[in-house]
N, C-alpha and C. Protein backbone atom coordinates (compact mmCIF):
# COMPACT_ATOMS: atom_id res chain seq x y z
N UNK A 1 0.45 -8.38 -13.86
CA UNK A 1 1.34 -7.41 -13.26
C UNK A 1 2.72 -8.03 -13.16
N UNK A 2 3.73 -7.21 -13.35
CA UNK A 2 5.09 -7.71 -13.23
C UNK A 2 5.75 -7.09 -12.01
N UNK A 3 6.75 -7.78 -11.45
CA UNK A 3 7.46 -7.21 -10.30
C UNK A 3 8.15 -5.92 -10.71
N UNK A 4 8.28 -5.03 -9.79
CA UNK A 4 8.91 -3.74 -10.05
C UNK A 4 9.91 -3.43 -8.95
N UNK A 5 10.73 -2.43 -9.18
CA UNK A 5 11.65 -1.97 -8.16
C UNK A 5 11.25 -0.55 -7.79
N UNK A 6 11.03 -0.31 -6.49
CA UNK A 6 10.67 1.01 -5.99
C UNK A 6 11.75 1.46 -5.01
N UNK A 7 11.52 2.56 -4.34
CA UNK A 7 12.46 3.08 -3.34
C UNK A 7 11.76 3.03 -1.99
N UNK A 8 12.45 2.53 -0.96
CA UNK A 8 11.83 2.42 0.36
C UNK A 8 12.13 3.64 1.23
N UNK A 9 11.63 3.62 2.44
CA UNK A 9 11.76 4.77 3.34
C UNK A 9 13.18 5.01 3.82
N UNK A 10 14.10 4.09 3.54
CA UNK A 10 15.51 4.32 3.87
C UNK A 10 16.29 4.85 2.67
N UNK A 11 15.63 4.91 1.51
CA UNK A 11 16.27 5.37 0.29
C UNK A 11 16.85 4.25 -0.55
N UNK A 12 16.70 3.02 -0.09
CA UNK A 12 17.23 1.86 -0.82
C UNK A 12 16.24 1.39 -1.88
N UNK A 13 16.76 0.79 -2.94
CA UNK A 13 15.92 0.17 -3.95
C UNK A 13 15.28 -1.06 -3.32
N UNK A 14 13.99 -1.26 -3.57
CA UNK A 14 13.27 -2.37 -2.95
C UNK A 14 12.38 -3.03 -3.99
N UNK A 15 12.47 -4.35 -4.12
CA UNK A 15 11.56 -5.04 -5.04
C UNK A 15 10.13 -4.94 -4.54
N UNK A 16 9.20 -4.82 -5.48
CA UNK A 16 7.79 -4.69 -5.14
C UNK A 16 7.01 -5.73 -5.90
N UNK A 17 6.14 -6.49 -5.30
CA UNK A 17 5.86 -6.54 -3.87
C UNK A 17 6.75 -7.50 -3.10
N UNK A 18 7.62 -8.27 -3.80
CA UNK A 18 8.60 -9.16 -3.15
C UNK A 18 7.94 -10.11 -2.17
N UNK A 19 7.00 -10.89 -2.66
CA UNK A 19 6.30 -11.84 -1.81
C UNK A 19 6.92 -13.23 -1.92
N UNK A 20 7.03 -13.89 -0.78
CA UNK A 20 7.46 -15.28 -0.75
C UNK A 20 6.26 -16.15 -1.08
N UNK A 21 6.51 -17.41 -1.39
CA UNK A 21 5.42 -18.34 -1.69
C UNK A 21 4.46 -18.39 -0.51
N UNK A 22 3.17 -18.23 -0.82
CA UNK A 22 2.13 -18.27 0.21
C UNK A 22 1.84 -16.94 0.87
N UNK A 23 2.63 -15.91 0.57
CA UNK A 23 2.36 -14.59 1.14
C UNK A 23 1.37 -13.82 0.28
N UNK A 24 0.72 -12.85 0.89
CA UNK A 24 -0.13 -11.90 0.18
C UNK A 24 0.29 -10.49 0.60
N UNK A 25 -0.06 -9.54 -0.24
CA UNK A 25 0.19 -8.13 0.08
C UNK A 25 -1.13 -7.39 0.09
N UNK A 26 -1.25 -6.46 1.01
CA UNK A 26 -2.36 -5.52 1.03
C UNK A 26 -1.72 -4.18 0.66
N UNK A 27 -2.09 -3.67 -0.52
CA UNK A 27 -1.42 -2.52 -1.12
C UNK A 27 -2.38 -1.34 -1.21
N UNK A 28 -1.89 -0.18 -0.75
CA UNK A 28 -2.68 1.06 -0.86
C UNK A 28 -1.81 2.14 -1.50
N UNK A 29 -2.39 2.87 -2.44
CA UNK A 29 -1.72 4.01 -3.05
C UNK A 29 -2.16 5.27 -2.30
N UNK A 30 -1.19 6.00 -1.78
CA UNK A 30 -1.47 7.17 -0.95
C UNK A 30 -0.42 8.24 -1.23
N UNK A 31 -0.64 9.42 -0.69
CA UNK A 31 0.42 10.41 -0.67
C UNK A 31 0.33 11.20 0.62
N UNK A 32 1.50 11.56 1.16
CA UNK A 32 1.59 12.10 2.52
C UNK A 32 0.89 13.44 2.68
N UNK A 33 0.86 14.27 1.66
CA UNK A 33 0.27 15.60 1.82
C UNK A 33 -1.23 15.63 1.53
N UNK A 34 -1.86 14.48 1.42
CA UNK A 34 -3.31 14.40 1.19
C UNK A 34 -4.05 14.92 2.42
N UNK A 35 -5.00 15.79 2.20
CA UNK A 35 -5.77 16.37 3.30
C UNK A 35 -7.24 15.96 3.27
N UNK A 36 -7.61 15.08 2.38
CA UNK A 36 -8.98 14.60 2.30
C UNK A 36 -9.16 13.50 3.34
N UNK A 37 -9.89 13.79 4.41
CA UNK A 37 -10.04 12.84 5.52
C UNK A 37 -10.57 11.48 5.06
N UNK A 38 -11.34 11.47 3.98
CA UNK A 38 -11.89 10.21 3.46
C UNK A 38 -10.94 9.54 2.46
N UNK A 39 -9.80 10.17 2.22
CA UNK A 39 -8.84 9.65 1.25
C UNK A 39 -7.68 8.94 1.92
N UNK A 40 -6.49 9.45 1.66
CA UNK A 40 -5.27 8.79 2.13
C UNK A 40 -5.21 8.62 3.64
N UNK A 41 -5.60 9.63 4.44
CA UNK A 41 -5.58 9.41 5.89
C UNK A 41 -6.46 8.24 6.32
N UNK A 42 -7.60 8.07 5.67
CA UNK A 42 -8.49 6.94 5.99
C UNK A 42 -7.84 5.62 5.58
N UNK A 43 -7.19 5.60 4.41
CA UNK A 43 -6.53 4.38 3.95
C UNK A 43 -5.38 4.01 4.88
N UNK A 44 -4.60 5.00 5.32
CA UNK A 44 -3.49 4.72 6.23
C UNK A 44 -4.00 4.27 7.60
N UNK A 45 -5.08 4.87 8.08
CA UNK A 45 -5.66 4.44 9.36
C UNK A 45 -6.15 2.99 9.25
N UNK A 46 -6.72 2.66 8.10
CA UNK A 46 -7.18 1.29 7.88
C UNK A 46 -6.00 0.32 7.89
N UNK A 47 -4.91 0.66 7.20
CA UNK A 47 -3.74 -0.21 7.21
C UNK A 47 -3.16 -0.33 8.61
N UNK A 48 -3.22 0.75 9.37
CA UNK A 48 -2.73 0.70 10.75
C UNK A 48 -3.58 -0.26 11.58
N UNK A 49 -4.89 -0.23 11.38
CA UNK A 49 -5.76 -1.17 12.07
C UNK A 49 -5.43 -2.61 11.67
N UNK A 50 -5.23 -2.85 10.37
CA UNK A 50 -4.84 -4.19 9.93
C UNK A 50 -3.51 -4.61 10.55
N UNK A 51 -2.56 -3.70 10.60
CA UNK A 51 -1.26 -3.98 11.20
C UNK A 51 -1.42 -4.43 12.66
N UNK A 52 -2.27 -3.75 13.40
CA UNK A 52 -2.51 -4.10 14.82
C UNK A 52 -3.19 -5.47 14.93
N UNK A 53 -4.15 -5.72 14.06
CA UNK A 53 -4.84 -7.02 14.09
C UNK A 53 -3.90 -8.16 13.70
N UNK A 54 -3.08 -7.92 12.71
CA UNK A 54 -2.14 -8.95 12.29
C UNK A 54 -1.12 -9.23 13.40
N UNK A 55 -0.70 -8.21 14.12
CA UNK A 55 0.25 -8.40 15.21
C UNK A 55 -0.33 -9.33 16.29
N UNK A 56 -1.64 -9.34 16.41
CA UNK A 56 -2.31 -10.20 17.40
C UNK A 56 -2.56 -11.61 16.86
N UNK A 57 -2.21 -11.86 15.60
CA UNK A 57 -2.44 -13.15 14.95
C UNK A 57 -1.16 -13.56 14.22
N UNK A 58 -0.15 -14.05 14.96
CA UNK A 58 1.17 -14.31 14.36
C UNK A 58 1.15 -15.24 13.14
N UNK A 59 0.27 -16.21 13.12
CA UNK A 59 0.22 -17.12 11.97
C UNK A 59 -0.18 -16.36 10.70
N UNK A 60 -1.19 -15.54 10.82
CA UNK A 60 -1.63 -14.76 9.65
C UNK A 60 -0.63 -13.65 9.35
N UNK A 61 -0.07 -13.06 10.39
CA UNK A 61 0.90 -11.98 10.19
C UNK A 61 2.07 -12.42 9.33
N UNK A 62 2.51 -13.66 9.49
CA UNK A 62 3.64 -14.18 8.71
C UNK A 62 3.32 -14.25 7.22
N UNK A 63 2.05 -14.27 6.87
CA UNK A 63 1.64 -14.39 5.47
C UNK A 63 1.33 -13.06 4.81
N UNK A 64 1.25 -11.98 5.59
CA UNK A 64 0.74 -10.71 5.05
C UNK A 64 1.80 -9.61 5.11
N UNK A 65 1.95 -8.93 3.98
CA UNK A 65 2.80 -7.74 3.92
C UNK A 65 1.89 -6.56 3.59
N UNK A 66 1.95 -5.52 4.38
CA UNK A 66 1.24 -4.28 4.08
C UNK A 66 2.19 -3.39 3.30
N UNK A 67 1.65 -2.71 2.28
CA UNK A 67 2.48 -1.85 1.44
C UNK A 67 1.73 -0.55 1.15
N UNK A 68 2.36 0.55 1.54
CA UNK A 68 1.87 1.88 1.17
C UNK A 68 2.77 2.39 0.06
N UNK A 69 2.19 2.69 -1.09
CA UNK A 69 2.95 3.20 -2.23
C UNK A 69 2.51 4.63 -2.49
N UNK A 70 3.46 5.55 -2.45
CA UNK A 70 3.13 6.95 -2.72
C UNK A 70 3.00 7.17 -4.22
N UNK A 71 2.00 7.97 -4.60
CA UNK A 71 1.92 8.37 -6.00
C UNK A 71 2.28 9.83 -6.16
N UNK A 72 3.16 10.32 -5.25
CA UNK A 72 3.68 11.67 -5.34
C UNK A 72 5.21 11.63 -5.19
N UNK A 73 5.92 11.05 -6.18
CA UNK A 73 7.37 10.90 -6.03
C UNK A 73 8.12 12.22 -5.91
N UNK A 74 7.55 13.32 -6.37
CA UNK A 74 8.25 14.61 -6.27
C UNK A 74 8.33 15.08 -4.82
N UNK A 75 7.27 14.84 -4.03
CA UNK A 75 7.25 15.33 -2.64
C UNK A 75 7.48 14.23 -1.61
N UNK A 76 7.05 13.03 -1.90
CA UNK A 76 7.20 11.95 -0.92
C UNK A 76 8.56 11.29 -1.07
N UNK A 77 9.54 11.98 -0.54
CA UNK A 77 10.92 11.49 -0.55
C UNK A 77 11.05 10.35 0.45
N UNK A 78 12.11 9.59 0.38
CA UNK A 78 12.32 8.56 1.40
C UNK A 78 12.29 9.14 2.83
N UNK A 79 12.81 10.35 3.00
CA UNK A 79 12.80 10.97 4.32
C UNK A 79 11.37 11.22 4.81
N UNK A 80 10.52 11.69 3.91
CA UNK A 80 9.11 11.92 4.30
C UNK A 80 8.40 10.60 4.57
N UNK A 81 8.73 9.57 3.80
CA UNK A 81 8.14 8.25 4.06
C UNK A 81 8.63 7.70 5.39
N UNK A 82 9.89 7.96 5.73
CA UNK A 82 10.42 7.53 7.03
C UNK A 82 9.67 8.23 8.17
N UNK A 83 9.34 9.50 7.98
CA UNK A 83 8.55 10.22 8.99
C UNK A 83 7.17 9.59 9.14
N UNK A 84 6.55 9.25 8.03
CA UNK A 84 5.24 8.62 8.06
C UNK A 84 5.33 7.26 8.74
N UNK A 85 6.35 6.51 8.42
CA UNK A 85 6.55 5.21 9.05
C UNK A 85 6.70 5.36 10.57
N UNK A 86 7.49 6.32 10.99
CA UNK A 86 7.68 6.55 12.43
C UNK A 86 6.37 6.94 13.10
N UNK A 87 5.59 7.75 12.43
CA UNK A 87 4.30 8.19 12.97
C UNK A 87 3.33 7.02 13.13
N UNK A 88 3.30 6.13 12.15
CA UNK A 88 2.35 5.02 12.19
C UNK A 88 2.86 3.82 13.00
N UNK A 89 4.16 3.78 13.26
CA UNK A 89 4.78 2.77 14.13
C UNK A 89 4.32 1.34 13.83
N UNK A 90 4.63 0.83 12.64
CA UNK A 90 4.19 -0.52 12.30
C UNK A 90 4.71 -1.57 13.28
N UNK A 91 3.88 -2.54 13.53
CA UNK A 91 4.26 -3.67 14.38
C UNK A 91 4.70 -4.86 13.54
N UNK A 92 4.27 -4.89 12.29
CA UNK A 92 4.58 -6.02 11.42
C UNK A 92 5.30 -5.59 10.17
N UNK A 93 5.15 -6.37 9.13
CA UNK A 93 5.81 -6.15 7.85
C UNK A 93 5.00 -5.15 7.03
N UNK A 94 5.30 -3.87 7.22
CA UNK A 94 4.60 -2.79 6.52
C UNK A 94 5.66 -1.96 5.81
N UNK A 95 5.63 -1.97 4.50
CA UNK A 95 6.62 -1.24 3.70
C UNK A 95 6.03 0.08 3.22
N UNK A 96 6.88 1.10 3.17
CA UNK A 96 6.52 2.42 2.69
C UNK A 96 7.41 2.69 1.48
N UNK A 97 6.81 2.74 0.29
CA UNK A 97 7.57 2.80 -0.95
C UNK A 97 7.13 3.95 -1.84
N UNK A 98 8.01 4.33 -2.74
CA UNK A 98 7.69 5.35 -3.74
C UNK A 98 8.41 4.96 -5.04
N UNK A 99 7.74 5.12 -6.18
CA UNK A 99 8.43 4.90 -7.45
C UNK A 99 9.56 5.93 -7.61
N UNK A 100 10.60 5.55 -8.33
CA UNK A 100 11.75 6.42 -8.51
C UNK A 100 11.43 7.64 -9.38
N UNK A 101 10.41 7.51 -10.25
CA UNK A 101 10.10 8.62 -11.15
C UNK A 101 8.65 8.48 -11.64
N UNK A 102 8.21 9.48 -12.38
CA UNK A 102 6.83 9.51 -12.89
C UNK A 102 6.53 8.37 -13.86
N UNK A 103 7.51 8.00 -14.69
CA UNK A 103 7.28 6.91 -15.65
C UNK A 103 7.04 5.60 -14.91
N UNK A 104 7.86 5.31 -13.90
CA UNK A 104 7.66 4.09 -13.10
C UNK A 104 6.31 4.14 -12.40
N UNK A 105 5.95 5.31 -11.90
CA UNK A 105 4.65 5.47 -11.23
C UNK A 105 3.51 5.17 -12.20
N UNK A 106 3.58 5.73 -13.41
CA UNK A 106 2.52 5.52 -14.39
C UNK A 106 2.32 4.05 -14.71
N UNK A 107 3.41 3.33 -14.89
CA UNK A 107 3.32 1.90 -15.19
C UNK A 107 2.70 1.13 -14.03
N UNK A 108 3.08 1.48 -12.82
CA UNK A 108 2.54 0.80 -11.64
C UNK A 108 1.05 1.08 -11.48
N UNK A 109 0.65 2.33 -11.66
CA UNK A 109 -0.77 2.68 -11.55
C UNK A 109 -1.60 1.96 -12.61
N UNK A 110 -1.06 1.84 -13.82
CA UNK A 110 -1.76 1.10 -14.89
C UNK A 110 -1.92 -0.37 -14.51
N UNK A 111 -0.86 -0.96 -13.94
CA UNK A 111 -0.94 -2.36 -13.51
C UNK A 111 -2.10 -2.59 -12.55
N UNK A 112 -2.33 -1.63 -11.67
CA UNK A 112 -3.36 -1.78 -10.65
C UNK A 112 -4.70 -1.17 -11.04
N UNK A 113 -4.74 -0.41 -12.14
CA UNK A 113 -5.99 0.25 -12.50
C UNK A 113 -6.35 1.35 -11.51
N UNK A 114 -5.34 2.00 -10.97
CA UNK A 114 -5.54 3.08 -10.01
C UNK A 114 -5.45 4.41 -10.74
N UNK A 115 -6.58 5.12 -10.84
CA UNK A 115 -6.60 6.42 -11.49
C UNK A 115 -6.19 7.51 -10.51
N UNK A 116 -5.42 8.48 -11.03
CA UNK A 116 -5.00 9.64 -10.24
C UNK A 116 -5.05 10.85 -11.17
N UNK A 117 -5.65 11.93 -10.69
CA UNK A 117 -5.68 13.18 -11.45
C UNK A 117 -4.95 14.25 -10.63
N UNK A 118 -4.01 14.93 -11.25
CA UNK A 118 -3.28 16.00 -10.58
C UNK A 118 -4.00 17.31 -10.89
N UNK A 119 -4.41 18.01 -9.83
CA UNK A 119 -5.10 19.29 -9.99
C UNK A 119 -4.10 20.42 -10.14
N UNK A 120 -4.57 21.59 -10.59
CA UNK A 120 -3.68 22.75 -10.76
C UNK A 120 -2.98 23.12 -9.46
N UNK A 121 -3.64 22.90 -8.34
CA UNK A 121 -3.06 23.23 -7.04
C UNK A 121 -1.94 22.27 -6.64
N UNK A 122 -1.79 21.18 -7.39
CA UNK A 122 -0.81 20.16 -7.04
C UNK A 122 -1.43 19.03 -6.24
N UNK A 123 -2.63 19.24 -5.74
CA UNK A 123 -3.33 18.17 -5.02
C UNK A 123 -3.64 17.05 -6.01
N UNK A 124 -3.82 15.87 -5.47
CA UNK A 124 -4.07 14.72 -6.33
C UNK A 124 -5.41 14.11 -5.94
N UNK A 125 -6.23 13.84 -6.92
CA UNK A 125 -7.55 13.24 -6.71
C UNK A 125 -7.51 11.79 -7.14
N UNK A 126 -8.08 10.95 -6.29
CA UNK A 126 -8.13 9.54 -6.63
C UNK A 126 -9.20 8.87 -5.79
N UNK A 127 -9.64 7.73 -6.26
CA UNK A 127 -10.57 6.91 -5.50
C UNK A 127 -9.73 6.01 -4.61
N UNK A 128 -10.07 5.96 -3.33
CA UNK A 128 -9.34 5.08 -2.43
C UNK A 128 -9.60 3.63 -2.83
N UNK A 129 -8.53 2.92 -3.11
CA UNK A 129 -8.60 1.50 -3.42
C UNK A 129 -7.48 0.82 -2.65
N UNK A 130 -7.81 -0.29 -2.04
CA UNK A 130 -6.81 -1.11 -1.38
C UNK A 130 -6.89 -2.49 -2.02
N UNK A 131 -5.73 -3.01 -2.40
CA UNK A 131 -5.65 -4.22 -3.21
C UNK A 131 -5.09 -5.38 -2.40
N UNK A 132 -5.70 -6.54 -2.57
CA UNK A 132 -5.17 -7.78 -2.02
C UNK A 132 -4.50 -8.51 -3.18
N UNK A 133 -3.18 -8.74 -3.06
CA UNK A 133 -2.37 -9.32 -4.13
C UNK A 133 -1.77 -10.62 -3.63
N UNK A 134 -1.86 -11.67 -4.45
CA UNK A 134 -1.29 -12.95 -4.04
C UNK A 134 0.16 -13.09 -4.51
N UNK A 135 0.78 -14.21 -4.16
CA UNK A 135 2.19 -14.41 -4.47
C UNK A 135 2.47 -14.63 -5.96
N UNK A 136 1.41 -14.79 -6.76
CA UNK A 136 1.55 -14.88 -8.21
C UNK A 136 1.32 -13.52 -8.87
N UNK A 137 1.22 -12.47 -8.03
CA UNK A 137 1.01 -11.08 -8.45
C UNK A 137 -0.34 -10.87 -9.13
N UNK A 138 -1.32 -11.63 -8.67
CA UNK A 138 -2.69 -11.45 -9.15
C UNK A 138 -3.45 -10.64 -8.11
N UNK A 139 -4.21 -9.67 -8.59
CA UNK A 139 -5.07 -8.90 -7.69
C UNK A 139 -6.27 -9.77 -7.36
N UNK A 140 -6.42 -10.11 -6.10
CA UNK A 140 -7.47 -11.03 -5.67
C UNK A 140 -8.73 -10.32 -5.20
N UNK A 141 -8.57 -9.08 -4.74
CA UNK A 141 -9.73 -8.29 -4.35
C UNK A 141 -9.34 -6.83 -4.32
N UNK A 142 -10.34 -5.97 -4.48
CA UNK A 142 -10.14 -4.52 -4.39
C UNK A 142 -11.18 -3.99 -3.41
N UNK A 143 -10.70 -3.26 -2.42
CA UNK A 143 -11.58 -2.67 -1.41
C UNK A 143 -11.59 -1.16 -1.62
N UNK A 144 -12.77 -0.57 -1.70
CA UNK A 144 -12.86 0.88 -1.84
C UNK A 144 -13.32 1.47 -0.51
N UNK A 145 -13.43 2.77 -0.47
CA UNK A 145 -13.72 3.44 0.79
C UNK A 145 -14.99 2.93 1.47
N UNK A 146 -15.95 2.46 0.72
CA UNK A 146 -17.17 1.93 1.32
C UNK A 146 -17.02 0.53 1.89
N UNK A 147 -15.89 -0.12 1.59
CA UNK A 147 -15.69 -1.50 2.03
C UNK A 147 -14.37 -1.69 2.78
N UNK A 148 -13.93 -0.67 3.48
CA UNK A 148 -12.72 -0.80 4.28
C UNK A 148 -13.09 -1.40 5.62
N UNK A 149 -13.17 -2.71 5.62
CA UNK A 149 -13.58 -3.46 6.80
C UNK A 149 -12.47 -4.46 7.12
N UNK A 150 -11.82 -4.27 8.26
CA UNK A 150 -10.69 -5.13 8.62
C UNK A 150 -11.10 -6.59 8.75
N UNK A 151 -12.30 -6.86 9.26
CA UNK A 151 -12.76 -8.24 9.37
C UNK A 151 -12.84 -8.89 7.99
N UNK A 152 -13.35 -8.15 7.01
CA UNK A 152 -13.47 -8.65 5.64
C UNK A 152 -12.09 -8.97 5.06
N UNK A 153 -11.15 -8.05 5.20
CA UNK A 153 -9.81 -8.26 4.65
C UNK A 153 -9.14 -9.44 5.34
N UNK A 154 -9.25 -9.52 6.66
CA UNK A 154 -8.66 -10.65 7.39
C UNK A 154 -9.25 -11.98 6.92
N UNK A 155 -10.55 -12.01 6.68
CA UNK A 155 -11.20 -13.22 6.18
C UNK A 155 -10.72 -13.53 4.77
N UNK A 156 -10.60 -12.51 3.93
CA UNK A 156 -10.14 -12.73 2.56
C UNK A 156 -8.70 -13.25 2.54
N UNK A 157 -7.86 -12.72 3.42
CA UNK A 157 -6.48 -13.20 3.50
C UNK A 157 -6.48 -14.69 3.79
N UNK A 158 -7.38 -15.12 4.66
CA UNK A 158 -7.44 -16.54 5.03
C UNK A 158 -7.88 -17.41 3.87
N UNK A 159 -8.62 -16.84 2.92
CA UNK A 159 -9.12 -17.65 1.80
C UNK A 159 -8.12 -17.79 0.66
N UNK A 160 -7.10 -16.93 0.63
CA UNK A 160 -6.08 -17.03 -0.42
C UNK A 160 -5.13 -18.15 -0.01
N UNK A 161 -5.14 -19.22 -0.77
CA UNK A 161 -4.36 -20.42 -0.43
C UNK A 161 -2.88 -20.13 -0.36
N UNK A 162 -2.23 -20.66 0.68
CA UNK A 162 -0.77 -20.50 0.76
C UNK A 162 -0.06 -21.39 -0.23
């Protein structure tokens, strides 16, 4: 995977994942208008739980960046991402990003092996995947909806050498 530039919730260009040496990222692909309770809302609730746990562990928190990347650049504007950010009230380093266009989105999804199908209704179908990425931009683990366990992710973060 190569570094990319996305747009953050303030509308500014932001390098992705922009990790310092020894940092890891926990990355989830979501979209704000998802109504599947087992989909994006579950992934965001999981990231919120991780954010709270990391806030209670400052040493680990310094090593972890949470990243929510929207795969709906047409609707998930920076303003909508800012609303989502305000709603989730991150305590730590949690970025809310969106690719600038569909081509950038396609390349990013290919890098991660994240499939997305757009239905006629405009809804998007995807398998929930959350990725643990190291500072060399290697995917170290993939967690799906059956394995969204904060204890597991916290333990895995500890095993990725700084």
